């Protein structure tokens, strides 16, 4: 099945794509530790199906563990893991994740970032060390390492085994060598984030890590047609203000945007609301699941109370692990696009 998952993982990021051919792509990880408890299904459903607090669905207080979540989906291995950029809220638990699953390919960038957290940090040095060994190719018996740039083409990710376009529908819109070099010089590695476009028959999903203004400028200059009227956007930097320019929204005009978790005062609701662009947050919905089979994207949420607040007739789907929210009908596009 072609299923996209946007997990509720504290103040970090983790997205999963279950491709129709059986491949699994994981983009970033957070809250993936062997010792992190994961509620039994009955307990989880009872909590998610309960009465929500007025104005606050409180799901950020109940994050999921990506390892247990994927085991619950009967995922056995990860075909590719993409680290968008080297911030720890995108790497938390990577060592345990790679111990729990066989990972065949690892995507990173030629960044020179060093460890930037201390003894009192919630993050673990062993995760950072594991990431560095993957990034630098020093892990014995590790996965195949790839460091791709804007416009990259290759077998499996966007070229089929027979050489025809398609593959897993993964397209790299950023970074460029110049963006990576500038990030290394400045020490701010947000603008060496991968910008990943996932194409399916049901529409396009754009995932951008913590990409900032320079990355947006590149994407709009060189991949404008790919991101015009995007069907689903995972908001860069979890949807935070981040002292950024939001003019990109005038071009992308996403039909729906997913925000991660952050204190409400740090989230950039205004630029979306002023353009009448709909948003769903992890704190509202819990984890979000998007079925990309067929010709439209069907959206589910693990928080039943939120689902019913949006759709009074919301039904639980065991196949998707969530309550039905609604459908995203993709924008009409020309054959040339």
C-alpha atoms as a PDB file:
ATOM      1  CA  UNK A   1       0.000   0.000   0.000  1.00  0.00           C
ATOM      2  CA  UNK A   2       1.084   3.597  -0.580  1.00  0.00           C
ATOM      3  CA  UNK A   3       0.712   5.030   2.933  1.00  0.00           C
ATOM      4  CA  UNK A   4       2.337   8.187   4.375  1.00  0.00           C
ATOM      5  CA  UNK A   5       2.614   8.550   8.159  1.00  0.00           C
ATOM      6  CA  UNK A   6       3.427  11.784  10.032  1.00  0.00           C
ATOM      7  CA  UNK A   7       4.149  10.664  13.575  1.00  0.00           C
ATOM      8  CA  UNK A   8       3.477  12.453  16.835  1.00  0.00           C
ATOM      9  CA  UNK A   9       7.028  12.341  18.272  1.00  0.00           C
ATOM     10  CA  UNK A  10       7.450  15.105  20.867  1.00  0.00           C
ATOM     11  CA  UNK A  11       9.077  18.270  19.412  1.00  0.00           C
ATOM     12  CA  UNK A  12      10.805  16.416  16.582  1.00  0.00           C
ATOM     13  CA  UNK A  13      10.082  14.866  13.205  1.00  0.00           C
ATOM     14  CA  UNK A  14       9.492  11.365  11.876  1.00  0.00           C
ATOM     15  CA  UNK A  15       7.677  10.521   8.641  1.00  0.00           C
ATOM     16  CA  UNK A  16       7.238   7.062   7.148  1.00  0.00           C
ATOM     17  CA  UNK A  17       6.235   6.043   3.630  1.00  0.00           C
ATOM     18  CA  UNK A  18       5.043   2.510   2.970  1.00  0.00           C
ATOM     19  CA  UNK A  19       5.475   2.216  -0.803  1.00  0.00           C
ATOM     20  CA  UNK A  20       3.210  -0.009  -2.922  1.00  0.00           C
ATOM     21  CA  UNK A  21       6.178  -2.262  -3.849  1.00  0.00           C
ATOM     22  CA  UNK A  22       6.942  -3.034  -0.194  1.00  0.00           C
ATOM     23  CA  UNK A  23       9.813  -0.567   0.247  1.00  0.00           C
ATOM     24  CA  UNK A  24       9.717   1.594   3.377  1.00  0.00           C
ATOM     25  CA  UNK A  25      11.184   5.104   3.541  1.00  0.00           C
ATOM     26  CA  UNK A  26      11.748   6.783   6.911  1.00  0.00           C
ATOM     27  CA  UNK A  27      12.464  10.517   6.942  1.00  0.00           C
ATOM     28  CA  UNK A  28      14.066  11.629  10.239  1.00  0.00           C
ATOM     29  CA  UNK A  29      13.398  10.099  13.647  1.00  0.00           C
ATOM     30  CA  UNK A  30      12.613  11.249  17.184  1.00  0.00           C
ATOM     31  CA  UNK A  31      11.562   9.480  20.397  1.00  0.00           C
ATOM     32  CA  UNK A  32      12.817   6.104  19.105  1.00  0.00           C
ATOM     33  CA  UNK A  33      14.382   4.451  22.113  1.00  0.00           C
ATOM     34  CA  UNK A  34      14.135   0.852  23.289  1.00  0.00           C
ATOM     35  CA  UNK A  35      13.304   1.961  26.823  1.00  0.00           C
ATOM     36  CA  UNK A  36      10.594   4.433  25.768  1.00  0.00           C
ATOM     37  CA  UNK A  37       7.250   2.806  26.650  1.00  0.00           C
ATOM     38  CA  UNK A  38       4.514   2.524  24.065  1.00  0.00           C
ATOM     39  CA  UNK A  39       0.960   2.089  25.290  1.00  0.00           C
ATOM     40  CA  UNK A  40      -0.808  -1.134  24.519  1.00  0.00           C
ATOM     41  CA  UNK A  41      -3.328  -0.662  21.713  1.00  0.00           C
ATOM     42  CA  UNK A  42      -6.407  -0.874  23.941  1.00  0.00           C
ATOM     43  CA  UNK A  43      -5.051   1.724  26.351  1.00  0.00           C
ATOM     44  CA  UNK A  44      -3.983   3.978  23.506  1.00  0.00           C
ATOM     45  CA  UNK A  45      -7.331   3.808  21.766  1.00  0.00           C
ATOM     46  CA  UNK A  46      -9.197   4.430  25.000  1.00  0.00           C
ATOM     47  CA  UNK A  47      -7.156   7.565  25.637  1.00  0.00           C
ATOM     48  CA  UNK A  48      -7.385   8.823  22.077  1.00  0.00           C
ATOM     49  CA  UNK A  49     -11.125   8.157  21.996  1.00  0.00           C
ATOM     50  CA  UNK A  50     -11.784  10.098  25.192  1.00  0.00           C
ATOM     51  CA  UNK A  51     -13.059  13.617  25.719  1.00  0.00           C
ATOM     52  CA  UNK A  52     -10.623  16.274  24.540  1.00  0.00           C
ATOM     53  CA  UNK A  53      -9.685  19.289  26.595  1.00  0.00           C
ATOM     54  CA  UNK A  54     -11.453  22.353  25.294  1.00  0.00           C
ATOM     55  CA  UNK A  55      -9.250  24.062  22.714  1.00  0.00           C
ATOM     56  CA  UNK A  56      -6.329  21.689  23.346  1.00  0.00           C
ATOM     57  CA  UNK A  57      -6.365  18.054  22.319  1.00  0.00           C
ATOM     58  CA  UNK A  58      -3.172  17.449  24.292  1.00  0.00           C
ATOM     59  CA  UNK A  59      -1.629  14.819  22.032  1.00  0.00           C
ATOM     60  CA  UNK A  60       1.927  16.159  22.372  1.00  0.00           C
ATOM     61  CA  UNK A  61       1.850  14.722  25.894  1.00  0.00           C
ATOM     62  CA  UNK A  62       1.305  11.242  24.426  1.00  0.00           C
ATOM     63  CA  UNK A  63       4.008  10.753  21.769  1.00  0.00           C
ATOM     64  CA  UNK A  64       4.480   7.476  19.936  1.00  0.00           C
ATOM     65  CA  UNK A  65       7.677   5.462  19.671  1.00  0.00           C
ATOM     66  CA  UNK A  66       8.510   5.011  15.964  1.00  0.00           C
ATOM     67  CA  UNK A  67      10.112   1.608  16.587  1.00  0.00           C
ATOM     68  CA  UNK A  68       6.979   0.171  18.166  1.00  0.00           C
ATOM     69  CA  UNK A  69       4.748   2.011  15.704  1.00  0.00           C
ATOM     70  CA  UNK A  70       6.509   0.375  12.755  1.00  0.00           C
ATOM     71  CA  UNK A  71       6.473  -3.032  14.421  1.00  0.00           C
ATOM     72  CA  UNK A  72       2.743  -2.547  14.858  1.00  0.00           C
ATOM     73  CA  UNK A  73       2.536  -1.991  11.095  1.00  0.00           C
ATOM     74  CA  UNK A  74       4.438  -5.287  10.582  1.00  0.00           C
ATOM     75  CA  UNK A  75       7.371  -3.418   9.029  1.00  0.00           C
ATOM     76  CA  UNK A  76      10.416  -5.714   8.980  1.00  0.00           C
ATOM     77  CA  UNK A  77      13.094  -3.508   7.423  1.00  0.00           C
ATOM     78  CA  UNK A  78      13.707   0.025   6.185  1.00  0.00           C
ATOM     79  CA  UNK A  79      14.708   0.382   2.555  1.00  0.00           C
ATOM     80  CA  UNK A  80      15.972   3.963   2.989  1.00  0.00           C
ATOM     81  CA  UNK A  81      16.424   6.289   5.911  1.00  0.00           C
ATOM     82  CA  UNK A  82      16.699   9.984   5.004  1.00  0.00           C
ATOM     83  CA  UNK A  83      18.152  12.359   7.564  1.00  0.00           C
ATOM     84  CA  UNK A  84      17.113  15.796   6.356  1.00  0.00           C
ATOM     85  CA  UNK A  85      19.778  17.599   8.446  1.00  0.00           C
ATOM     86  CA  UNK A  86      21.877  17.022  11.591  1.00  0.00           C
ATOM     87  CA  UNK A  87      19.648  18.416  14.369  1.00  0.00           C
ATOM     88  CA  UNK A  88      19.064  16.038  17.266  1.00  0.00           C
ATOM     89  CA  UNK A  89      15.272  16.399  17.169  1.00  0.00           C
ATOM     90  CA  UNK A  90      15.592  14.653  13.788  1.00  0.00           C
ATOM     91  CA  UNK A  91      18.055  12.016  15.100  1.00  0.00           C
ATOM     92  CA  UNK A  92      16.775  11.115  18.568  1.00  0.00           C
ATOM     93  CA  UNK A  93      16.886   7.329  18.923  1.00  0.00           C
ATOM     94  CA  UNK A  94      18.613   6.623  15.601  1.00  0.00           C
ATOM     95  CA  UNK A  95      20.935   4.041  17.162  1.00  0.00           C
ATOM     96  CA  UNK A  96      18.054   2.028  18.600  1.00  0.00           C
ATOM     97  CA  UNK A  97      16.124   2.336  15.330  1.00  0.00           C
ATOM     98  CA  UNK A  98      19.044   0.904  13.357  1.00  0.00           C
ATOM     99  CA  UNK A  99      19.368  -1.925  15.891  1.00  0.00           C
ATOM    100  CA  UNK A 100      15.669  -2.737  15.642  1.00  0.00           C
ATOM    101  CA  UNK A 101      15.490  -2.832  11.821  1.00  0.00           C
ATOM    102  CA  UNK A 102      17.753  -3.680   8.924  1.00  0.00           C
ATOM    103  CA  UNK A 103      18.335  -0.410   7.055  1.00  0.00           C
ATOM    104  CA  UNK A 104      19.542  -0.783   3.471  1.00  0.00           C
ATOM    105  CA  UNK A 105      20.255   2.824   2.457  1.00  0.00           C
ATOM    106  CA  UNK A 106      21.137   5.949   4.431  1.00  0.00           C
ATOM    107  CA  UNK A 107      20.815   9.444   2.967  1.00  0.00           C
ATOM    108  CA  UNK A 108      22.676  12.346   4.533  1.00  0.00           C
ATOM    109  CA  UNK A 109      24.601  15.440   3.450  1.00  0.00           C
ATOM    110  CA  UNK A 110      28.264  16.448   3.392  1.00  0.00           C
ATOM    111  CA  UNK A 111      27.789  18.559   6.498  1.00  0.00           C
ATOM    112  CA  UNK A 112      30.575  19.200   8.995  1.00  0.00           C
ATOM    113  CA  UNK A 113      28.252  19.714  11.952  1.00  0.00           C
ATOM    114  CA  UNK A 114      29.604  18.780  15.367  1.00  0.00           C
ATOM    115  CA  UNK A 115      27.747  17.767  18.512  1.00  0.00           C
ATOM    116  CA  UNK A 116      25.938  20.793  19.913  1.00  0.00           C
ATOM    117  CA  UNK A 117      24.366  19.496  23.141  1.00  0.00           C
ATOM    118  CA  UNK A 118      25.707  19.007  26.649  1.00  0.00           C
ATOM    119  CA  UNK A 119      25.318  16.694  29.624  1.00  0.00           C
ATOM    120  CA  UNK A 120      21.932  18.101  30.655  1.00  0.00           C
ATOM    121  CA  UNK A 121      20.410  17.653  27.213  1.00  0.00           C
ATOM    122  CA  UNK A 122      17.566  15.169  26.678  1.00  0.00           C
ATOM    123  CA  UNK A 123      19.546  13.790  23.733  1.00  0.00           C
ATOM    124  CA  UNK A 124      22.085  10.957  23.867  1.00  0.00           C
ATOM    125  CA  UNK A 125      25.697  11.031  22.762  1.00  0.00           C
ATOM    126  CA  UNK A 126      25.392   7.465  21.481  1.00  0.00           C
ATOM    127  CA  UNK A 127      22.791   8.634  18.945  1.00  0.00           C
ATOM    128  CA  UNK A 128      25.066  11.425  17.752  1.00  0.00           C
ATOM    129  CA  UNK A 129      28.042   9.048  17.470  1.00  0.00           C
ATOM    130  CA  UNK A 130      25.952   6.556  15.523  1.00  0.00           C
ATOM    131  CA  UNK A 131      24.804   9.291  13.155  1.00  0.00           C
ATOM    132  CA  UNK A 132      28.381  10.465  12.570  1.00  0.00           C
ATOM    133  CA  UNK A 133      29.500   6.903  11.768  1.00  0.00           C
ATOM    134  CA  UNK A 134      26.686   6.660   9.205  1.00  0.00           C
ATOM    135  CA  UNK A 135      27.322  10.116   7.740  1.00  0.00           C
ATOM    136  CA  UNK A 136      31.079   9.549   7.473  1.00  0.00           C
ATOM    137  CA  UNK A 137      30.786   5.943   6.246  1.00  0.00           C
ATOM    138  CA  UNK A 138      32.825   4.465   9.098  1.00  0.00           C
ATOM    139  CA  UNK A 139      30.197   2.048  10.435  1.00  0.00           C
ATOM    140  CA  UNK A 140      31.367  -1.467   9.603  1.00  0.00           C
ATOM    141  CA  UNK A 141      28.679  -3.399   7.757  1.00  0.00           C
ATOM    142  CA  UNK A 142      26.454  -0.334   7.682  1.00  0.00           C
ATOM    143  CA  UNK A 143      23.917   0.601   5.015  1.00  0.00           C
ATOM    144  CA  UNK A 144      24.770   2.026   1.621  1.00  0.00           C
ATOM    145  CA  UNK A 145      25.402   5.742   2.069  1.00  0.00           C
ATOM    146  CA  UNK A 146      24.055   8.301  -0.392  1.00  0.00           C
ATOM    147  CA  UNK A 147      24.588  12.069  -0.428  1.00  0.00           C
ATOM    148  CA  UNK A 148      22.264  13.432  -3.065  1.00  0.00           C
ATOM    149  CA  UNK A 149      21.696  16.899  -4.458  1.00  0.00           C
ATOM    150  CA  UNK A 150      18.856  18.776  -6.112  1.00  0.00           C
ATOM    151  CA  UNK A 151      17.587  17.026  -9.241  1.00  0.00           C
ATOM    152  CA  UNK A 152      19.253  13.671  -8.492  1.00  0.00           C
ATOM    153  CA  UNK A 153      17.992  10.696 -10.466  1.00  0.00           C
ATOM    154  CA  UNK A 154      18.618   7.100  -9.529  1.00  0.00           C
ATOM    155  CA  UNK A 155      17.337   3.571  -9.559  1.00  0.00           C
ATOM    156  CA  UNK A 156      14.687   2.756  -6.992  1.00  0.00           C
ATOM    157  CA  UNK A 157      14.117   6.257  -5.613  1.00  0.00           C
ATOM    158  CA  UNK A 158      12.770   7.836  -8.822  1.00  0.00           C
ATOM    159  CA  UNK A 159      13.807   5.463 -11.604  1.00  0.00           C
ATOM    160  CA  UNK A 160      12.394   1.961 -11.946  1.00  0.00           C
ATOM    161  CA  UNK A 161      14.457  -1.182 -12.284  1.00  0.00           C
ATOM    162  CA  UNK A 162      13.769  -1.097 -16.022  1.00  0.00           C
ATOM    163  CA  UNK A 163      15.117   2.452 -16.352  1.00  0.00           C
ATOM    164  CA  UNK A 164      11.755   4.159 -16.750  1.00  0.00           C
ATOM    165  CA  UNK A 165      10.782   7.108 -14.511  1.00  0.00           C
ATOM    166  CA  UNK A 166       8.899   6.384 -11.329  1.00  0.00           C
ATOM    167  CA  UNK A 167      10.576   4.100  -8.825  1.00  0.00           C
ATOM    168  CA  UNK A 168       9.410   4.920  -5.311  1.00  0.00           C
ATOM    169  CA  UNK A 169       8.394   8.441  -6.343  1.00  0.00           C
ATOM    170  CA  UNK A 170      11.091  10.141  -4.224  1.00  0.00           C
ATOM    171  CA  UNK A 171      12.461  13.359  -5.756  1.00  0.00           C
ATOM    172  CA  UNK A 172      15.245  15.513  -4.296  1.00  0.00           C
ATOM    173  CA  UNK A 173      14.579  19.262  -4.641  1.00  0.00           C
ATOM    174  CA  UNK A 174      17.367  20.357  -2.259  1.00  0.00           C
ATOM    175  CA  UNK A 175      20.088  20.724  -1.055  1.00  0.00           C
ATOM    176  CA  UNK A 176      22.765  21.836  -3.510  1.00  0.00           C
ATOM    177  CA  UNK A 177      26.542  21.717  -2.943  1.00  0.00           C
ATOM    178  CA  UNK A 178      26.424  25.505  -2.575  1.00  0.00           C
ATOM    179  CA  UNK A 179      23.747  25.368   0.138  1.00  0.00           C
ATOM    180  CA  UNK A 180      25.724  22.710   2.030  1.00  0.00           C
ATOM    181  CA  UNK A 181      28.957  24.701   1.765  1.00  0.00           C
ATOM    182  CA  UNK A 182      27.244  27.867   3.016  1.00  0.00           C
ATOM    183  CA  UNK A 183      25.686  25.941   5.927  1.00  0.00           C
ATOM    184  CA  UNK A 184      29.077  24.509   6.878  1.00  0.00           C
ATOM    185  CA  UNK A 185      30.617  27.996   6.781  1.00  0.00           C
ATOM    186  CA  UNK A 186      27.863  29.597   8.872  1.00  0.00           C
ATOM    187  CA  UNK A 187      27.305  26.703  11.270  1.00  0.00           C
ATOM    188  CA  UNK A 188      23.533  26.953  10.656  1.00  0.00           C
ATOM    189  CA  UNK A 189      22.629  23.655   9.001  1.00  0.00           C
ATOM    190  CA  UNK A 190      18.915  24.248   8.440  1.00  0.00           C
ATOM    191  CA  UNK A 191      19.599  25.382   4.881  1.00  0.00           C
ATOM    192  CA  UNK A 192      21.345  22.151   4.001  1.00  0.00           C
ATOM    193  CA  UNK A 193      18.101  20.248   4.697  1.00  0.00           C
ATOM    194  CA  UNK A 194      16.809  17.795   2.165  1.00  0.00           C
ATOM    195  CA  UNK A 195      13.604  18.896   0.467  1.00  0.00           C
ATOM    196  CA  UNK A 196      11.866  15.664  -0.535  1.00  0.00           C
ATOM    197  CA  UNK A 197       8.917  15.507  -2.905  1.00  0.00           C
ATOM    198  CA  UNK A 198       6.918  12.276  -2.781  1.00  0.00           C
ATOM    199  CA  UNK A 199       4.845  11.754  -5.923  1.00  0.00           C
ATOM    200  CA  UNK A 200       1.938   9.338  -5.960  1.00  0.00           C
ATOM    201  CA  UNK A 201      -1.083   8.842  -8.191  1.00  0.00           C
ATOM    202  CA  UNK A 202      -3.136  10.508  -5.450  1.00  0.00           C
ATOM    203  CA  UNK A 203      -1.053  13.692  -5.275  1.00  0.00           C
ATOM    204  CA  UNK A 204       2.222  15.227  -4.089  1.00  0.00           C
ATOM    205  CA  UNK A 205       3.609  15.448  -0.552  1.00  0.00           C
ATOM    206  CA  UNK A 206       6.495  17.814   0.275  1.00  0.00           C
ATOM    207  CA  UNK A 207       8.760  17.199   3.304  1.00  0.00           C
ATOM    208  CA  UNK A 208      11.452  19.824   3.986  1.00  0.00           C
ATOM    209  CA  UNK A 209      13.056  19.186   7.379  1.00  0.00           C
ATOM    210  CA  UNK A 210      14.021  22.571   8.832  1.00  0.00           C
ATOM    211  CA  UNK A 211      14.661  24.197   5.433  1.00  0.00           C
ATOM    212  CA  UNK A 212      14.975  27.966   5.697  1.00  0.00           C
ATOM    213  CA  UNK A 213      14.841  30.886   3.247  1.00  0.00           C
ATOM    214  CA  UNK A 214      17.837  30.009   1.039  1.00  0.00           C
ATOM    215  CA  UNK A 215      16.494  26.518   0.445  1.00  0.00           C
ATOM    216  CA  UNK A 216      13.054  27.912  -0.348  1.00  0.00           C
ATOM    217  CA  UNK A 217      14.605  30.342  -2.824  1.00  0.00           C
ATOM    218  CA  UNK A 218      16.377  27.455  -4.583  1.00  0.00           C
ATOM    219  CA  UNK A 219      13.265  25.270  -4.695  1.00  0.00           C
ATOM    220  CA  UNK A 220      11.099  28.062  -6.108  1.00  0.00           C
ATOM    221  CA  UNK A 221      13.768  29.016  -8.652  1.00  0.00           C
ATOM    222  CA  UNK A 222      14.539  25.517  -9.906  1.00  0.00           C
ATOM    223  CA  UNK A 223      11.524  23.320  -9.034  1.00  0.00           C
ATOM    224  CA  UNK A 224       8.651  25.790  -9.234  1.00  0.00           C
ATOM    225  CA  UNK A 225       6.345  23.517 -11.225  1.00  0.00           C
ATOM    226  CA  UNK A 226       6.921  20.641  -8.794  1.00  0.00           C
ATOM    227  CA  UNK A 227       5.751  22.623  -5.765  1.00  0.00           C
ATOM    228  CA  UNK A 228       3.084  24.893  -7.259  1.00  0.00           C
ATOM    229  CA  UNK A 229      -0.295  24.173  -5.642  1.00  0.00           C
ATOM    230  CA  UNK A 230       1.149  21.360  -3.527  1.00  0.00           C
ATOM    231  CA  UNK A 231      -1.382  18.849  -2.241  1.00  0.00           C
ATOM    232  CA  UNK A 232       0.148  18.208   1.203  1.00  0.00           C
ATOM    233  CA  UNK A 233       2.976  20.095   2.910  1.00  0.00           C
ATOM    234  CA  UNK A 234       4.825  18.996   6.027  1.00  0.00           C
ATOM    235  CA  UNK A 235       5.628  22.452   7.378  1.00  0.00           C
ATOM    236  CA  UNK A 236       9.352  23.260   7.507  1.00  0.00           C
ATOM    237  CA  UNK A 237      10.781  23.510  11.033  1.00  0.00           C
ATOM    238  CA  UNK A 238       7.659  21.874  12.468  1.00  0.00           C
ATOM    239  CA  UNK A 239       5.617  24.985  11.562  1.00  0.00           C
ATOM    240  CA  UNK A 240       7.596  27.347  13.820  1.00  0.00           C
ATOM    241  CA  UNK A 241       7.949  31.060  13.060  1.00  0.00           C
ATOM    242  CA  UNK A 242      11.758  30.742  12.813  1.00  0.00           C
ATOM    243  CA  UNK A 243      12.175  34.386  11.722  1.00  0.00           C
ATOM    244  CA  UNK A 244      11.493  33.376   8.124  1.00  0.00           C
ATOM    245  CA  UNK A 245       9.828  34.658   4.974  1.00  0.00           C
ATOM    246  CA  UNK A 246       6.473  32.961   4.281  1.00  0.00           C
ATOM    247  CA  UNK A 247       6.018  34.253   0.732  1.00  0.00           C
ATOM    248  CA  UNK A 248       6.574  30.682  -0.503  1.00  0.00           C
ATOM    249  CA  UNK A 249       2.990  29.968   0.592  1.00  0.00           C
ATOM    250  CA  UNK A 250       1.680  32.254  -2.159  1.00  0.00           C
ATOM    251  CA  UNK A 251       3.154  29.849  -4.725  1.00  0.00           C
ATOM    252  CA  UNK A 252       2.764  26.497  -2.987  1.00  0.00           C
ATOM    253  CA  UNK A 253      -0.798  27.136  -1.708  1.00  0.00           C
ATOM    254  CA  UNK A 254      -0.930  23.735   0.038  1.00  0.00           C
ATOM    255  CA  UNK A 255      -4.341  22.130   0.214  1.00  0.00           C
ATOM    256  CA  UNK A 256      -3.371  20.857   3.665  1.00  0.00           C
ATOM    257  CA  UNK A 257      -0.354  21.414   5.928  1.00  0.00           C
ATOM    258  CA  UNK A 258       0.813  19.248   8.820  1.00  0.00           C
ATOM    259  CA  UNK A 259       2.428  21.047  11.787  1.00  0.00           C
ATOM    260  CA  UNK A 260       4.534  19.243  14.375  1.00  0.00           C
ATOM    261  CA  UNK A 261       4.628  19.936  18.097  1.00  0.00           C
ATOM    262  CA  UNK A 262       5.862  23.190  19.583  1.00  0.00           C
ATOM    263  CA  UNK A 263       4.506  25.669  22.124  1.00  0.00           C
ATOM    264  CA  UNK A 264       1.544  27.376  20.493  1.00  0.00           C
ATOM    265  CA  UNK A 265       3.179  30.808  20.670  1.00  0.00           C
ATOM    266  CA  UNK A 266       6.056  29.506  18.510  1.00  0.00           C
ATOM    267  CA  UNK A 267       3.863  28.156  15.710  1.00  0.00           C
ATOM    268  CA  UNK A 268       3.274  30.291  12.612  1.00  0.00           C
ATOM    269  CA  UNK A 269      -0.505  30.037  12.431  1.00  0.00           C
ATOM    270  CA  UNK A 270      -0.828  33.576  11.051  1.00  0.00           C
ATOM    271  CA  UNK A 271       0.786  33.107   7.612  1.00  0.00           C
ATOM    272  CA  UNK A 272      -1.448  30.082   6.949  1.00  0.00           C
ATOM    273  CA  UNK A 273      -4.628  31.520   8.435  1.00  0.00           C
ATOM    274  CA  UNK A 274      -4.282  34.834   6.588  1.00  0.00           C
ATOM    275  CA  UNK A 275      -4.133  32.872   3.327  1.00  0.00           C
ATOM    276  CA  UNK A 276      -6.992  30.572   4.399  1.00  0.00           C
ATOM    277  CA  UNK A 277      -4.733  27.517   4.151  1.00  0.00           C
ATOM    278  CA  UNK A 278      -5.845  24.639   6.415  1.00  0.00           C
ATOM    279  CA  UNK A 279      -3.540  23.204   9.098  1.00  0.00           C
ATOM    280  CA  UNK A 280      -3.599  20.092  11.282  1.00  0.00           C
ATOM    281  CA  UNK A 281      -1.134  19.760  14.183  1.00  0.00           C
ATOM    282  CA  UNK A 282       0.207  16.672  15.932  1.00  0.00           C
ATOM    283  CA  UNK A 283      -1.071  18.133  19.198  1.00  0.00           C
ATOM    284  CA  UNK A 284      -4.596  18.000  17.759  1.00  0.00           C
ATOM    285  CA  UNK A 285      -4.567  14.810  15.749  1.00  0.00           C
ATOM    286  CA  UNK A 286      -1.830  12.681  17.275  1.00  0.00           C
ATOM    287  CA  UNK A 287      -0.235  10.846  14.382  1.00  0.00           C
ATOM    288  CA  UNK A 288      -1.593  11.428  10.885  1.00  0.00           C
ATOM    289  CA  UNK A 289      -1.920   8.765   8.209  1.00  0.00           C
ATOM    290  CA  UNK A 290      -2.460   9.500   4.511  1.00  0.00           C
ATOM    291  CA  UNK A 291      -3.557   6.779   2.101  1.00  0.00           C
ATOM    292  CA  UNK A 292      -2.109   7.619  -1.323  1.00  0.00           C
ATOM    293  CA  UNK A 293      -3.715   4.721  -3.148  1.00  0.00           C
ATOM    294  CA  UNK A 294      -6.246   5.664  -5.796  1.00  0.00           C
ATOM    295  CA  UNK A 295      -6.660   9.135  -7.240  1.00  0.00           C
ATOM    296  CA  UNK A 296      -7.168  11.138  -4.017  1.00  0.00           C
ATOM    297  CA  UNK A 297      -5.478  11.154  -0.603  1.00  0.00           C
ATOM    298  CA  UNK A 298      -7.544   9.942   2.346  1.00  0.00           C
ATOM    299  CA  UNK A 299      -6.460  11.273   5.747  1.00  0.00           C
ATOM    300  CA  UNK A 300      -6.752   9.557   9.150  1.00  0.00           C
ATOM    301  CA  UNK A 301      -5.830  10.637  12.697  1.00  0.00           C
ATOM    302  CA  UNK A 302      -5.017   8.532  15.746  1.00  0.00           C
ATOM    303  CA  UNK A 303      -6.978  10.901  18.029  1.00  0.00           C
ATOM    304  CA  UNK A 304     -10.634   9.965  17.725  1.00  0.00           C
ATOM    305  CA  UNK A 305     -11.880  13.024  19.626  1.00  0.00           C
ATOM    306  CA  UNK A 306     -10.194  15.338  17.136  1.00  0.00           C
ATOM    307  CA  UNK A 307     -11.407  13.288  14.168  1.00  0.00           C
ATOM    308  CA  UNK A 308     -15.004  13.578  15.339  1.00  0.00           C
ATOM    309  CA  UNK A 309     -14.600  17.313  15.900  1.00  0.00           C
ATOM    310  CA  UNK A 310     -13.803  17.585  12.178  1.00  0.00           C
ATOM    311  CA  UNK A 311     -16.025  14.781  10.920  1.00  0.00           C
ATOM    312  CA  UNK A 312     -18.921  13.785  13.187  1.00  0.00           C
ATOM    313  CA  UNK A 313     -19.214  10.469  11.390  1.00  0.00           C
ATOM    314  CA  UNK A 314     -15.528   9.579  11.690  1.00  0.00           C
ATOM    315  CA  UNK A 315     -14.966   5.827  11.714  1.00  0.00           C
ATOM    316  CA  UNK A 316     -12.003   3.832  12.987  1.00  0.00           C
ATOM    317  CA  UNK A 317      -9.965   2.018  10.311  1.00  0.00           C
ATOM    318  CA  UNK A 318      -7.913  -0.893  11.623  1.00  0.00           C
ATOM    319  CA  UNK A 319      -6.023  -1.069   8.320  1.00  0.00           C
ATOM    320  CA  UNK A 320      -4.812   2.516   8.713  1.00  0.00           C
ATOM    321  CA  UNK A 321      -4.636   2.694  12.501  1.00  0.00           C
ATOM    322  CA  UNK A 322      -6.690   5.870  12.725  1.00  0.00           C
ATOM    323  CA  UNK A 323     -10.069   7.584  12.471  1.00  0.00           C
ATOM    324  CA  UNK A 324     -11.123   8.956   9.114  1.00  0.00           C
ATOM    325  CA  UNK A 325     -10.791  12.731   8.710  1.00  0.00           C
ATOM    326  CA  UNK A 326     -11.489  13.349   5.029  1.00  0.00           C
ATOM    327  CA  UNK A 327     -10.059  13.481   1.544  1.00  0.00           C
ATOM    328  CA  UNK A 328      -7.550  15.661  -0.306  1.00  0.00           C
ATOM    329  CA  UNK A 329      -8.489  15.873  -3.971  1.00  0.00           C
ATOM    330  CA  UNK A 330      -5.288  16.783  -5.827  1.00  0.00           C
ATOM    331  CA  UNK A 331      -4.989  19.940  -7.878  1.00  0.00           C
ATOM    332  CA  UNK A 332      -5.469  19.432 -11.587  1.00  0.00           C
ATOM    333  CA  UNK A 333      -2.111  19.475 -13.353  1.00  0.00           C
ATOM    334  CA  UNK A 334      -1.095  19.571 -17.006  1.00  0.00           C
ATOM    335  CA  UNK A 335       0.488  16.568 -18.671  1.00  0.00           C
ATOM    336  CA  UNK A 336       3.766  18.511 -18.869  1.00  0.00           C
ATOM    337  CA  UNK A 337       3.890  18.747 -15.070  1.00  0.00           C
END
